[in-house]
Amino acid sequence: MLASAWSDLVRGAVDRRHGFHVPVVASIGLDGAPSARTVVLRRVLPESCELHFHTDLRGPKVAELARDPRVSWTFYDAGRKLQLRVAAVAEVHATGARADEAWARSAPSSRRCYLAPAAPGAQCDAVSPNLPEALRMRVPTVEESLAGRVNFALVATRVTAIDWLHLASEGHERARFERGADGLWSGCWCEP
């Protein structure tokens, strides 16, 4: 079951149609309240138990993760009625080889949001796409996208626990897996 969960996560990172491709990540807000948002699952590294997403350095989640790096992911595949809740610890990479590699793997269409003139969440006078005028109706070229690198960060999260839940009318099934300090996983069945 644990191997199957990791396999689904890997598929979710590469298959845009997979139910796990666009999960919710929650962090602890600067005010102490939960702060959840939808992200794109960018990469899964089962060997190091990592899940990755990208973010704008100017956004509030970077400050939240600097204060408390604990996050919770929620994945749901409606077709299979399968939910994973994943506990992890985040590390933000704005510079260095890991961030550079993640940027290089990003398509210009994904890089476009890092060209935003204002920080995500900044107040504005009217509805705004927060994109440069010249890029509102098109994807930037690779060269045009390079200016967004300064705002880009990789968020690598190290998984510490996975709660697996299968919903079924004849009875739900639930299991929990935890990764020990030694890196080994242990699991048990749980009441759904």
N, C-alpha and C. Protein backbone atom coordinates (compact mmCIF):
# COMPACT_ATOMS: atom_id res chain seq x y z
N MET A 1 0.82 -1.19 0.00
CA MET A 1 0.00 0.00 0.00
C MET A 1 0.87 1.27 0.00
N LEU A 2 1.95 1.26 0.78
CA LEU A 2 2.86 2.40 0.82
C LEU A 2 3.53 2.58 -0.54
N ALA A 3 3.97 1.48 -1.14
CA ALA A 3 4.60 1.55 -2.47
C ALA A 3 3.60 2.08 -3.49
N SER A 4 2.36 1.67 -3.38
CA SER A 4 1.32 2.14 -4.29
C SER A 4 1.08 3.65 -4.12
N ALA A 5 1.10 4.11 -2.88
CA ALA A 5 0.93 5.55 -2.62
C ALA A 5 2.05 6.35 -3.28
N TRP A 6 3.29 5.88 -3.11
CA TRP A 6 4.42 6.58 -3.74
C TRP A 6 4.31 6.54 -5.26
N SER A 7 3.86 5.42 -5.80
CA SER A 7 3.68 5.29 -7.25
C SER A 7 2.64 6.29 -7.75
N ASP A 8 1.54 6.43 -7.01
CA ASP A 8 0.51 7.42 -7.38
C ASP A 8 1.05 8.84 -7.31
N LEU A 9 1.85 9.12 -6.30
CA LEU A 9 2.44 10.46 -6.19
C LEU A 9 3.37 10.74 -7.36
N VAL A 10 4.19 9.77 -7.74
CA VAL A 10 5.08 9.94 -8.89
C VAL A 10 4.26 10.22 -10.14
N ARG A 11 3.20 9.45 -10.36
CA ARG A 11 2.33 9.67 -11.52
C ARG A 11 1.69 11.05 -11.47
N GLY A 12 1.28 11.47 -10.27
CA GLY A 12 0.65 12.78 -10.13
C GLY A 12 1.56 13.92 -10.54
N ALA A 13 2.85 13.76 -10.35
CA ALA A 13 3.79 14.82 -10.72
C ALA A 13 4.00 14.93 -12.23
N VAL A 14 3.80 13.84 -12.95
CA VAL A 14 4.08 13.86 -14.39
C VAL A 14 2.84 13.83 -15.27
N ASP A 15 1.69 13.47 -14.70
CA ASP A 15 0.46 13.33 -15.48
C ASP A 15 -0.54 14.40 -15.04
N ARG A 16 -0.75 15.39 -15.89
CA ARG A 16 -1.64 16.51 -15.57
C ARG A 16 -3.08 16.07 -15.31
N ARG A 17 -3.46 14.89 -15.80
CA ARG A 17 -4.83 14.42 -15.63
C ARG A 17 -5.01 13.57 -14.37
N HIS A 18 -3.91 13.23 -13.72
CA HIS A 18 -3.98 12.40 -12.52
C HIS A 18 -4.58 13.22 -11.38
N GLY A 19 -5.37 12.58 -10.54
CA GLY A 19 -6.01 13.27 -9.43
C GLY A 19 -5.06 13.91 -8.44
N PHE A 20 -3.81 13.45 -8.41
CA PHE A 20 -2.85 13.99 -7.45
C PHE A 20 -2.00 15.13 -8.02
N HIS A 21 -2.25 15.55 -9.25
CA HIS A 21 -1.41 16.56 -9.88
C HIS A 21 -1.55 17.95 -9.22
N VAL A 22 -2.74 18.26 -8.73
CA VAL A 22 -2.99 19.59 -8.16
C VAL A 22 -3.54 19.41 -6.74
N PRO A 23 -2.65 19.18 -5.77
CA PRO A 23 -3.06 18.99 -4.38
C PRO A 23 -3.19 20.32 -3.63
N VAL A 24 -3.57 20.20 -2.38
CA VAL A 24 -3.62 21.35 -1.47
C VAL A 24 -2.47 21.20 -0.48
N VAL A 25 -1.75 22.29 -0.25
CA VAL A 25 -0.70 22.32 0.76
C VAL A 25 -1.10 23.34 1.82
N ALA A 26 -1.02 22.92 3.06
CA ALA A 26 -1.34 23.82 4.18
C ALA A 26 -0.09 24.05 5.01
N SER A 27 0.08 25.29 5.40
CA SER A 27 1.16 25.67 6.30
C SER A 27 0.54 26.39 7.49
N ILE A 28 1.37 26.82 8.40
CA ILE A 28 0.89 27.57 9.55
C ILE A 28 1.13 29.04 9.27
N GLY A 29 0.05 29.80 9.17
CA GLY A 29 0.14 31.22 8.85
C GLY A 29 0.88 32.01 9.91
N LEU A 30 1.31 33.18 9.55
CA LEU A 30 2.04 34.03 10.49
C LEU A 30 1.18 34.42 11.69
N ASP A 31 -0.14 34.36 11.51
CA ASP A 31 -1.05 34.65 12.62
C ASP A 31 -1.39 33.40 13.43
N GLY A 32 -0.79 32.26 13.08
CA GLY A 32 -1.02 31.02 13.80
C GLY A 32 -2.17 30.18 13.26
N ALA A 33 -2.93 30.72 12.31
CA ALA A 33 -4.05 30.00 11.72
C ALA A 33 -3.56 29.15 10.54
N PRO A 34 -4.29 28.08 10.20
CA PRO A 34 -3.93 27.30 9.02
C PRO A 34 -4.02 28.17 7.77
N SER A 35 -3.14 27.91 6.83
CA SER A 35 -3.13 28.63 5.56
C SER A 35 -2.96 27.59 4.45
N ALA A 36 -4.02 27.36 3.69
CA ALA A 36 -4.01 26.32 2.66
C ALA A 36 -4.13 26.93 1.28
N ARG A 37 -3.49 26.28 0.31
CA ARG A 37 -3.58 26.72 -1.06
C ARG A 37 -3.36 25.53 -1.99
N THR A 38 -3.88 25.64 -3.20
CA THR A 38 -3.67 24.62 -4.22
C THR A 38 -2.34 24.90 -4.92
N VAL A 39 -1.56 23.85 -5.13
CA VAL A 39 -0.29 23.96 -5.83
C VAL A 39 -0.23 22.89 -6.91
N VAL A 40 0.79 22.96 -7.74
CA VAL A 40 1.05 21.91 -8.71
C VAL A 40 2.17 21.04 -8.15
N LEU A 41 1.92 19.74 -8.10
CA LEU A 41 2.95 18.80 -7.66
C LEU A 41 3.98 18.73 -8.79
N ARG A 42 5.16 19.25 -8.55
CA ARG A 42 6.17 19.36 -9.60
C ARG A 42 7.11 18.17 -9.71
N ARG A 43 7.43 17.57 -8.57
CA ARG A 43 8.39 16.46 -8.62
C ARG A 43 8.23 15.61 -7.36
N VAL A 44 8.44 14.31 -7.52
CA VAL A 44 8.39 13.37 -6.41
C VAL A 44 9.67 12.54 -6.46
N LEU A 45 10.37 12.49 -5.33
CA LEU A 45 11.60 11.71 -5.21
C LEU A 45 11.41 10.68 -4.10
N PRO A 46 10.88 9.49 -4.44
CA PRO A 46 10.60 8.49 -3.40
C PRO A 46 11.83 8.07 -2.60
N GLU A 47 12.98 8.02 -3.25
CA GLU A 47 14.19 7.57 -2.55
C GLU A 47 14.59 8.49 -1.40
N SER A 48 14.30 9.78 -1.53
CA SER A 48 14.59 10.72 -0.44
C SER A 48 13.31 11.20 0.25
N CYS A 49 12.18 10.59 -0.12
CA CYS A 49 10.87 10.90 0.49
C CYS A 49 10.51 12.38 0.33
N GLU A 50 10.73 12.93 -0.87
CA GLU A 50 10.47 14.35 -1.10
C GLU A 50 9.35 14.58 -2.10
N LEU A 51 8.56 15.62 -1.80
CA LEU A 51 7.55 16.16 -2.71
C LEU A 51 7.90 17.62 -2.94
N HIS A 52 7.83 18.07 -4.20
CA HIS A 52 8.24 19.43 -4.54
C HIS A 52 7.09 20.23 -5.14
N PHE A 53 7.07 21.52 -4.83
CA PHE A 53 6.26 22.49 -5.56
C PHE A 53 7.08 23.75 -5.70
N HIS A 54 6.61 24.66 -6.55
CA HIS A 54 7.31 25.92 -6.80
C HIS A 54 6.49 27.07 -6.21
N THR A 55 7.17 28.15 -5.89
CA THR A 55 6.48 29.31 -5.34
C THR A 55 7.21 30.60 -5.70
N ASP A 56 6.50 31.69 -5.54
CA ASP A 56 7.08 33.02 -5.72
C ASP A 56 7.68 33.44 -4.38
N LEU A 57 8.93 33.83 -4.39
CA LEU A 57 9.62 34.22 -3.15
C LEU A 57 8.94 35.38 -2.42
N ARG A 58 8.21 36.17 -3.15
CA ARG A 58 7.57 37.36 -2.56
C ARG A 58 6.26 37.03 -1.86
N GLY A 59 5.76 35.80 -2.03
CA GLY A 59 4.48 35.42 -1.45
C GLY A 59 4.58 35.13 0.04
N PRO A 60 3.45 35.17 0.74
CA PRO A 60 3.45 34.97 2.18
C PRO A 60 3.88 33.57 2.64
N LYS A 61 3.72 32.56 1.80
CA LYS A 61 4.06 31.21 2.27
C LYS A 61 5.54 31.05 2.55
N VAL A 62 6.39 31.83 1.90
CA VAL A 62 7.83 31.74 2.16
C VAL A 62 8.13 32.19 3.59
N ALA A 63 7.52 33.27 4.02
CA ALA A 63 7.70 33.74 5.40
C ALA A 63 7.09 32.73 6.38
N GLU A 64 5.95 32.14 6.02
CA GLU A 64 5.33 31.13 6.89
C GLU A 64 6.25 29.94 7.08
N LEU A 65 6.85 29.46 5.98
CA LEU A 65 7.72 28.28 6.05
C LEU A 65 9.03 28.59 6.77
N ALA A 66 9.49 29.83 6.69
CA ALA A 66 10.69 30.22 7.42
C ALA A 66 10.42 30.18 8.93
N ARG A 67 9.22 30.53 9.31
CA ARG A 67 8.85 30.55 10.73
C ARG A 67 8.56 29.16 11.27
N ASP A 68 7.85 28.35 10.47
CA ASP A 68 7.50 26.98 10.87
C ASP A 68 7.44 26.14 9.60
N PRO A 69 8.40 25.24 9.39
CA PRO A 69 8.48 24.51 8.12
C PRO A 69 7.53 23.33 7.98
N ARG A 70 6.70 23.09 8.98
CA ARG A 70 5.76 21.96 8.88
C ARG A 70 4.65 22.27 7.87
N VAL A 71 4.36 21.28 7.01
CA VAL A 71 3.27 21.41 6.04
C VAL A 71 2.45 20.13 6.03
N SER A 72 1.26 20.26 5.51
CA SER A 72 0.38 19.12 5.30
C SER A 72 -0.13 19.19 3.87
N TRP A 73 0.04 18.11 3.14
CA TRP A 73 -0.46 17.98 1.77
C TRP A 73 -1.76 17.19 1.82
N THR A 74 -2.72 17.52 0.97
CA THR A 74 -3.92 16.70 0.78
C THR A 74 -4.07 16.43 -0.71
N PHE A 75 -4.08 15.15 -1.05
CA PHE A 75 -4.27 14.68 -2.42
C PHE A 75 -5.59 13.94 -2.48
N TYR A 76 -6.34 14.14 -3.56
CA TYR A 76 -7.59 13.38 -3.71
C TYR A 76 -7.80 13.00 -5.16
N ASP A 77 -7.96 11.72 -5.40
CA ASP A 77 -8.27 11.19 -6.72
C ASP A 77 -9.74 10.80 -6.69
N ALA A 78 -10.60 11.67 -7.25
CA ALA A 78 -12.05 11.46 -7.19
C ALA A 78 -12.47 10.19 -7.92
N GLY A 79 -11.82 9.87 -9.02
CA GLY A 79 -12.18 8.67 -9.78
C GLY A 79 -12.01 7.39 -8.98
N ARG A 80 -10.99 7.34 -8.17
CA ARG A 80 -10.71 6.15 -7.37
C ARG A 80 -11.14 6.31 -5.91
N LYS A 81 -11.63 7.50 -5.56
CA LYS A 81 -12.05 7.81 -4.19
C LYS A 81 -10.92 7.52 -3.21
N LEU A 82 -9.74 8.01 -3.57
CA LEU A 82 -8.54 7.78 -2.77
C LEU A 82 -8.00 9.12 -2.29
N GLN A 83 -7.79 9.23 -0.99
CA GLN A 83 -7.22 10.44 -0.39
C GLN A 83 -5.91 10.08 0.31
N LEU A 84 -4.92 10.94 0.11
CA LEU A 84 -3.68 10.87 0.89
C LEU A 84 -3.53 12.19 1.62
N ARG A 85 -3.26 12.10 2.92
CA ARG A 85 -2.87 13.27 3.69
C ARG A 85 -1.43 13.03 4.09
N VAL A 86 -0.57 13.95 3.72
CA VAL A 86 0.87 13.75 3.87
C VAL A 86 1.45 14.85 4.76
N ALA A 87 2.11 14.44 5.84
CA ALA A 87 2.81 15.38 6.71
C ALA A 87 4.25 15.48 6.23
N ALA A 88 4.79 16.69 6.22
CA ALA A 88 6.16 16.88 5.72
C ALA A 88 6.76 18.12 6.35
N VAL A 89 8.07 18.26 6.16
CA VAL A 89 8.82 19.43 6.61
C VAL A 89 9.43 20.08 5.37
N ALA A 90 9.18 21.37 5.21
CA ALA A 90 9.56 22.09 3.99
C ALA A 90 10.91 22.79 4.13
N GLU A 91 11.56 22.90 3.00
CA GLU A 91 12.79 23.69 2.89
C GLU A 91 12.70 24.48 1.59
N VAL A 92 12.85 25.79 1.68
CA VAL A 92 12.75 26.67 0.52
C VAL A 92 14.14 26.86 -0.09
N HIS A 93 14.24 26.64 -1.39
CA HIS A 93 15.50 26.80 -2.12
C HIS A 93 15.31 27.90 -3.17
N ALA A 94 15.88 29.06 -2.91
CA ALA A 94 15.79 30.17 -3.85
C ALA A 94 17.03 30.27 -4.72
N THR A 95 18.15 29.80 -4.21
CA THR A 95 19.42 29.83 -4.95
C THR A 95 20.05 28.45 -4.87
N GLY A 96 21.09 28.25 -5.63
CA GLY A 96 21.80 26.99 -5.58
C GLY A 96 21.35 26.00 -6.63
N ALA A 97 22.01 24.86 -6.63
CA ALA A 97 21.81 23.84 -7.67
C ALA A 97 20.38 23.32 -7.71
N ARG A 98 19.77 23.09 -6.56
CA ARG A 98 18.41 22.53 -6.56
C ARG A 98 17.42 23.51 -7.18
N ALA A 99 17.51 24.78 -6.81
CA ALA A 99 16.61 25.78 -7.38
C ALA A 99 16.89 25.97 -8.87
N ASP A 100 18.16 26.00 -9.23
CA ASP A 100 18.52 26.15 -10.64
C ASP A 100 17.99 25.00 -11.48
N GLU A 101 18.09 23.79 -10.97
CA GLU A 101 17.59 22.62 -11.70
C GLU A 101 16.07 22.69 -11.85
N ALA A 102 15.37 23.06 -10.79
CA ALA A 102 13.91 23.17 -10.85
C ALA A 102 13.50 24.25 -11.85
N TRP A 103 14.21 25.36 -11.86
CA TRP A 103 13.92 26.43 -12.82
C TRP A 103 14.15 25.93 -14.24
N ALA A 104 15.24 25.23 -14.47
CA ALA A 104 15.56 24.72 -15.80
C ALA A 104 14.50 23.73 -16.30
N ARG A 105 13.90 22.98 -15.38
CA ARG A 105 12.86 22.01 -15.74
C ARG A 105 11.51 22.66 -16.00
N SER A 106 11.37 23.93 -15.65
CA SER A 106 10.08 24.63 -15.79
C SER A 106 9.90 25.16 -17.20
N ALA A 107 8.72 24.96 -17.74
CA ALA A 107 8.39 25.47 -19.08
C ALA A 107 8.15 26.98 -19.01
N PRO A 108 8.36 27.69 -20.10
CA PRO A 108 8.08 29.13 -20.11
C PRO A 108 6.65 29.47 -19.66
N SER A 109 5.69 28.61 -19.97
CA SER A 109 4.31 28.87 -19.52
C SER A 109 4.21 28.84 -18.00
N SER A 110 4.99 28.01 -17.34
CA SER A 110 5.01 27.96 -15.87
C SER A 110 5.81 29.13 -15.29
N ARG A 111 6.83 29.55 -16.01
CA ARG A 111 7.69 30.65 -15.53
C ARG A 111 6.98 32.00 -15.60
N ARG A 112 5.95 32.09 -16.41
CA ARG A 112 5.28 33.37 -16.64
C ARG A 112 4.81 34.04 -15.35
N CYS A 113 4.30 33.25 -14.40
CA CYS A 113 3.77 33.87 -13.17
C CYS A 113 4.86 34.52 -12.33
N TYR A 114 6.12 34.13 -12.52
CA TYR A 114 7.22 34.73 -11.75
C TYR A 114 7.65 36.07 -12.32
N LEU A 115 7.04 36.45 -13.43
CA LEU A 115 7.28 37.76 -14.03
C LEU A 115 6.28 38.80 -13.51
N ALA A 116 5.43 38.40 -12.58
CA ALA A 116 4.41 39.30 -12.04
C ALA A 116 5.05 40.56 -11.46
N PRO A 117 4.52 41.72 -11.80
CA PRO A 117 5.11 42.96 -11.28
C PRO A 117 4.90 43.16 -9.78
N ALA A 118 3.82 42.63 -9.23
CA ALA A 118 3.54 42.80 -7.80
C ALA A 118 3.65 41.44 -7.09
N ALA A 119 3.90 41.49 -5.80
CA ALA A 119 3.98 40.27 -5.00
C ALA A 119 2.61 39.60 -4.94
N PRO A 120 2.57 38.27 -4.96
CA PRO A 120 1.29 37.58 -4.80
C PRO A 120 0.62 37.99 -3.49
N GLY A 121 -0.66 38.28 -3.57
CA GLY A 121 -1.41 38.68 -2.38
C GLY A 121 -1.42 40.17 -2.12
N ALA A 122 -0.62 40.94 -2.89
CA ALA A 122 -0.60 42.39 -2.70
C ALA A 122 -1.96 42.98 -3.06
N GLN A 123 -2.40 43.95 -2.30
CA GLN A 123 -3.68 44.59 -2.57
C GLN A 123 -3.60 45.39 -3.86
N CYS A 124 -4.70 45.40 -4.62
CA CYS A 124 -4.76 46.18 -5.86
C CYS A 124 -6.13 46.86 -5.96
N ASP A 125 -6.25 47.82 -6.87
CA ASP A 125 -7.47 48.63 -6.97
C ASP A 125 -8.61 47.93 -7.71
N ALA A 126 -8.27 46.98 -8.58
CA ALA A 126 -9.28 46.28 -9.38
C ALA A 126 -8.75 44.88 -9.69
N VAL A 127 -9.60 44.05 -10.26
CA VAL A 127 -9.15 42.71 -10.64
C VAL A 127 -7.92 42.83 -11.55
N SER A 128 -6.94 41.95 -11.31
CA SER A 128 -5.68 42.05 -12.04
C SER A 128 -5.09 40.66 -12.28
N PRO A 129 -4.58 40.40 -13.50
CA PRO A 129 -3.89 39.14 -13.74
C PRO A 129 -2.45 39.16 -13.20
N ASN A 130 -2.00 40.33 -12.76
CA ASN A 130 -0.64 40.50 -12.23
C ASN A 130 0.41 39.95 -13.20
N LEU A 131 0.27 40.33 -14.43
CA LEU A 131 1.22 39.95 -15.48
C LEU A 131 1.64 41.20 -16.24
N PRO A 132 2.85 41.20 -16.78
CA PRO A 132 3.23 42.32 -17.64
C PRO A 132 2.25 42.42 -18.83
N GLU A 133 1.90 43.61 -19.21
CA GLU A 133 0.94 43.83 -20.30
C GLU A 133 1.28 43.00 -21.53
N ALA A 134 2.55 42.94 -21.91
CA ALA A 134 2.96 42.22 -23.13
C ALA A 134 2.77 40.71 -23.03
N LEU A 135 2.58 40.19 -21.81
CA LEU A 135 2.45 38.73 -21.66
C LEU A 135 1.07 38.28 -21.21
N ARG A 136 0.12 39.17 -21.22
CA ARG A 136 -1.22 38.80 -20.76
C ARG A 136 -1.91 37.80 -21.69
N MET A 137 -1.59 37.83 -22.93
CA MET A 137 -2.27 36.96 -23.90
C MET A 137 -1.33 35.94 -24.55
N ARG A 138 -0.12 35.83 -24.04
CA ARG A 138 0.81 34.86 -24.64
C ARG A 138 1.82 34.37 -23.62
N VAL A 139 2.43 33.25 -23.96
CA VAL A 139 3.48 32.67 -23.13
C VAL A 139 4.80 33.37 -23.47
N PRO A 140 5.62 33.66 -22.47
CA PRO A 140 6.90 34.31 -22.77
C PRO A 140 7.84 33.35 -23.49
N THR A 141 8.78 33.93 -24.20
CA THR A 141 9.85 33.11 -24.77
C THR A 141 10.76 32.69 -23.62
N VAL A 142 11.63 31.74 -23.87
CA VAL A 142 12.57 31.32 -22.83
C VAL A 142 13.38 32.52 -22.37
N GLU A 143 13.85 33.32 -23.32
CA GLU A 143 14.65 34.50 -22.97
C GLU A 143 13.86 35.49 -22.13
N GLU A 144 12.61 35.75 -22.50
CA GLU A 144 11.77 36.68 -21.73
C GLU A 144 11.51 36.14 -20.31
N SER A 145 11.40 34.83 -20.18
CA SER A 145 11.08 34.24 -18.87
C SER A 145 12.22 34.35 -17.87
N LEU A 146 13.44 34.54 -18.34
CA LEU A 146 14.60 34.55 -17.46
C LEU A 146 14.53 35.63 -16.38
N ALA A 147 13.85 36.72 -16.66
CA ALA A 147 13.73 37.80 -15.67
C ALA A 147 12.95 37.36 -14.43
N GLY A 148 12.15 36.30 -14.55
CA GLY A 148 11.37 35.80 -13.42
C GLY A 148 12.16 34.94 -12.45
N ARG A 149 13.38 34.56 -12.82
CA ARG A 149 14.16 33.65 -11.97
C ARG A 149 14.39 34.24 -10.57
N VAL A 150 14.51 35.55 -10.46
CA VAL A 150 14.78 36.20 -9.18
C VAL A 150 13.61 36.00 -8.19
N ASN A 151 12.41 35.74 -8.69
CA ASN A 151 11.23 35.56 -7.84
C ASN A 151 10.88 34.09 -7.59
N PHE A 152 11.61 33.19 -8.19
CA PHE A 152 11.28 31.76 -8.17
C PHE A 152 11.96 31.03 -7.01
N ALA A 153 11.23 30.08 -6.42
CA ALA A 153 11.82 29.20 -5.42
C ALA A 153 11.23 27.80 -5.54
N LEU A 154 12.06 26.83 -5.25
CA LEU A 154 11.64 25.45 -5.12
C LEU A 154 11.34 25.20 -3.65
N VAL A 155 10.21 24.58 -3.37
CA VAL A 155 9.90 24.15 -2.00
C VAL A 155 9.98 22.63 -2.00
N ALA A 156 11.01 22.12 -1.35
CA ALA A 156 11.21 20.67 -1.23
C ALA A 156 10.70 20.26 0.15
N THR A 157 9.77 19.33 0.18
CA THR A 157 9.22 18.90 1.46
C THR A 157 9.61 17.44 1.69
N ARG A 158 10.08 17.15 2.88
CA ARG A 158 10.48 15.79 3.26
C ARG A 158 9.33 15.14 4.02
N VAL A 159 8.81 14.06 3.48
CA VAL A 159 7.63 13.39 4.03
C VAL A 159 7.98 12.66 5.33
N THR A 160 7.13 12.86 6.33
CA THR A 160 7.30 12.19 7.63
C THR A 160 6.18 11.19 7.91
N ALA A 161 5.01 11.39 7.29
CA ALA A 161 3.88 10.48 7.51
C ALA A 161 2.91 10.55 6.34
N ILE A 162 2.23 9.44 6.09
CA ILE A 162 1.21 9.36 5.04
C ILE A 162 -0.02 8.69 5.63
N ASP A 163 -1.16 9.37 5.51
CA ASP A 163 -2.44 8.81 5.93
C ASP A 163 -3.20 8.46 4.64
N TRP A 164 -3.47 7.17 4.44
CA TRP A 164 -4.10 6.64 3.23
C TRP A 164 -5.55 6.31 3.54
N LEU A 165 -6.49 6.83 2.72
CA LEU A 165 -7.90 6.58 2.95
C LEU A 165 -8.58 6.27 1.63
N HIS A 166 -9.23 5.10 1.58
CA HIS A 166 -10.04 4.73 0.42
C HIS A 166 -11.50 4.78 0.83
N LEU A 167 -12.28 5.60 0.13
CA LEU A 167 -13.70 5.74 0.43
C LEU A 167 -14.49 4.74 -0.40
N ALA A 168 -15.37 4.00 0.26
CA ALA A 168 -16.20 3.01 -0.44
C ALA A 168 -17.53 2.87 0.28
N SER A 169 -18.62 2.72 -0.47
CA SER A 169 -19.94 2.61 0.14
C SER A 169 -20.07 1.38 1.03
N GLU A 170 -19.31 0.33 0.71
CA GLU A 170 -19.36 -0.88 1.53
C GLU A 170 -18.47 -0.80 2.77
N GLY A 171 -17.75 0.28 2.91
CA GLY A 171 -16.89 0.50 4.07
C GLY A 171 -15.57 1.11 3.67
N HIS A 172 -15.21 2.20 4.32
CA HIS A 172 -13.94 2.87 4.04
C HIS A 172 -12.79 2.04 4.60
N GLU A 173 -11.59 2.27 4.05
CA GLU A 173 -10.37 1.63 4.55
C GLU A 173 -9.35 2.72 4.80
N ARG A 174 -8.60 2.58 5.90
CA ARG A 174 -7.63 3.62 6.23
C ARG A 174 -6.38 3.00 6.84
N ALA A 175 -5.23 3.55 6.45
CA ALA A 175 -3.95 3.11 7.00
C ALA A 175 -3.07 4.33 7.21
N ARG A 176 -2.13 4.21 8.13
CA ARG A 176 -1.19 5.30 8.40
C ARG A 176 0.22 4.74 8.39
N PHE A 177 1.11 5.50 7.75
CA PHE A 177 2.52 5.12 7.66
C PHE A 177 3.35 6.26 8.22
N GLU A 178 4.33 5.93 9.03
CA GLU A 178 5.21 6.94 9.61
C GLU A 178 6.66 6.57 9.33
N ARG A 179 7.44 7.60 9.05
CA ARG A 179 8.87 7.41 8.78
C ARG A 179 9.64 7.74 10.05
N GLY A 180 10.37 6.75 10.54
CA GLY A 180 11.14 6.93 11.76
C GLY A 180 12.41 7.73 11.54
N ALA A 181 13.07 8.09 12.63
CA ALA A 181 14.33 8.84 12.56
C ALA A 181 15.39 8.05 11.80
N ASP A 182 15.25 6.72 11.78
CA ASP A 182 16.20 5.87 11.06
C ASP A 182 15.89 5.80 9.56
N GLY A 183 14.81 6.48 9.11
CA GLY A 183 14.43 6.48 7.70
C GLY A 183 13.55 5.32 7.30
N LEU A 184 13.27 4.42 8.22
CA LEU A 184 12.43 3.26 7.91
C LEU A 184 10.96 3.60 8.17
N TRP A 185 10.10 2.99 7.36
CA TRP A 185 8.67 3.21 7.47
C TRP A 185 8.01 2.12 8.32
N SER A 186 7.02 2.53 9.09
CA SER A 186 6.18 1.56 9.80
C SER A 186 4.74 1.94 9.48
N GLY A 187 3.85 0.97 9.50
CA GLY A 187 2.46 1.25 9.15
C GLY A 187 1.49 0.48 10.01
N CYS A 188 0.25 0.96 10.00
CA CYS A 188 -0.80 0.27 10.74
C CYS A 188 -2.14 0.62 10.09
N TRP A 189 -3.11 -0.23 10.31
CA TRP A 189 -4.47 0.06 9.91
C TRP A 189 -5.07 1.02 10.94
N CYS A 190 -5.97 1.89 10.49
CA CYS A 190 -6.66 2.82 11.37
C CYS A 190 -8.15 2.75 11.08
N GLU A 191 -8.94 3.08 12.07
CA GLU A 191 -10.37 3.19 11.85
C GLU A 191 -10.61 4.39 10.94
N PRO A 192 -11.45 4.21 9.90
CA PRO A 192 -11.72 5.35 9.00
C PRO A 192 -12.62 6.40 9.64
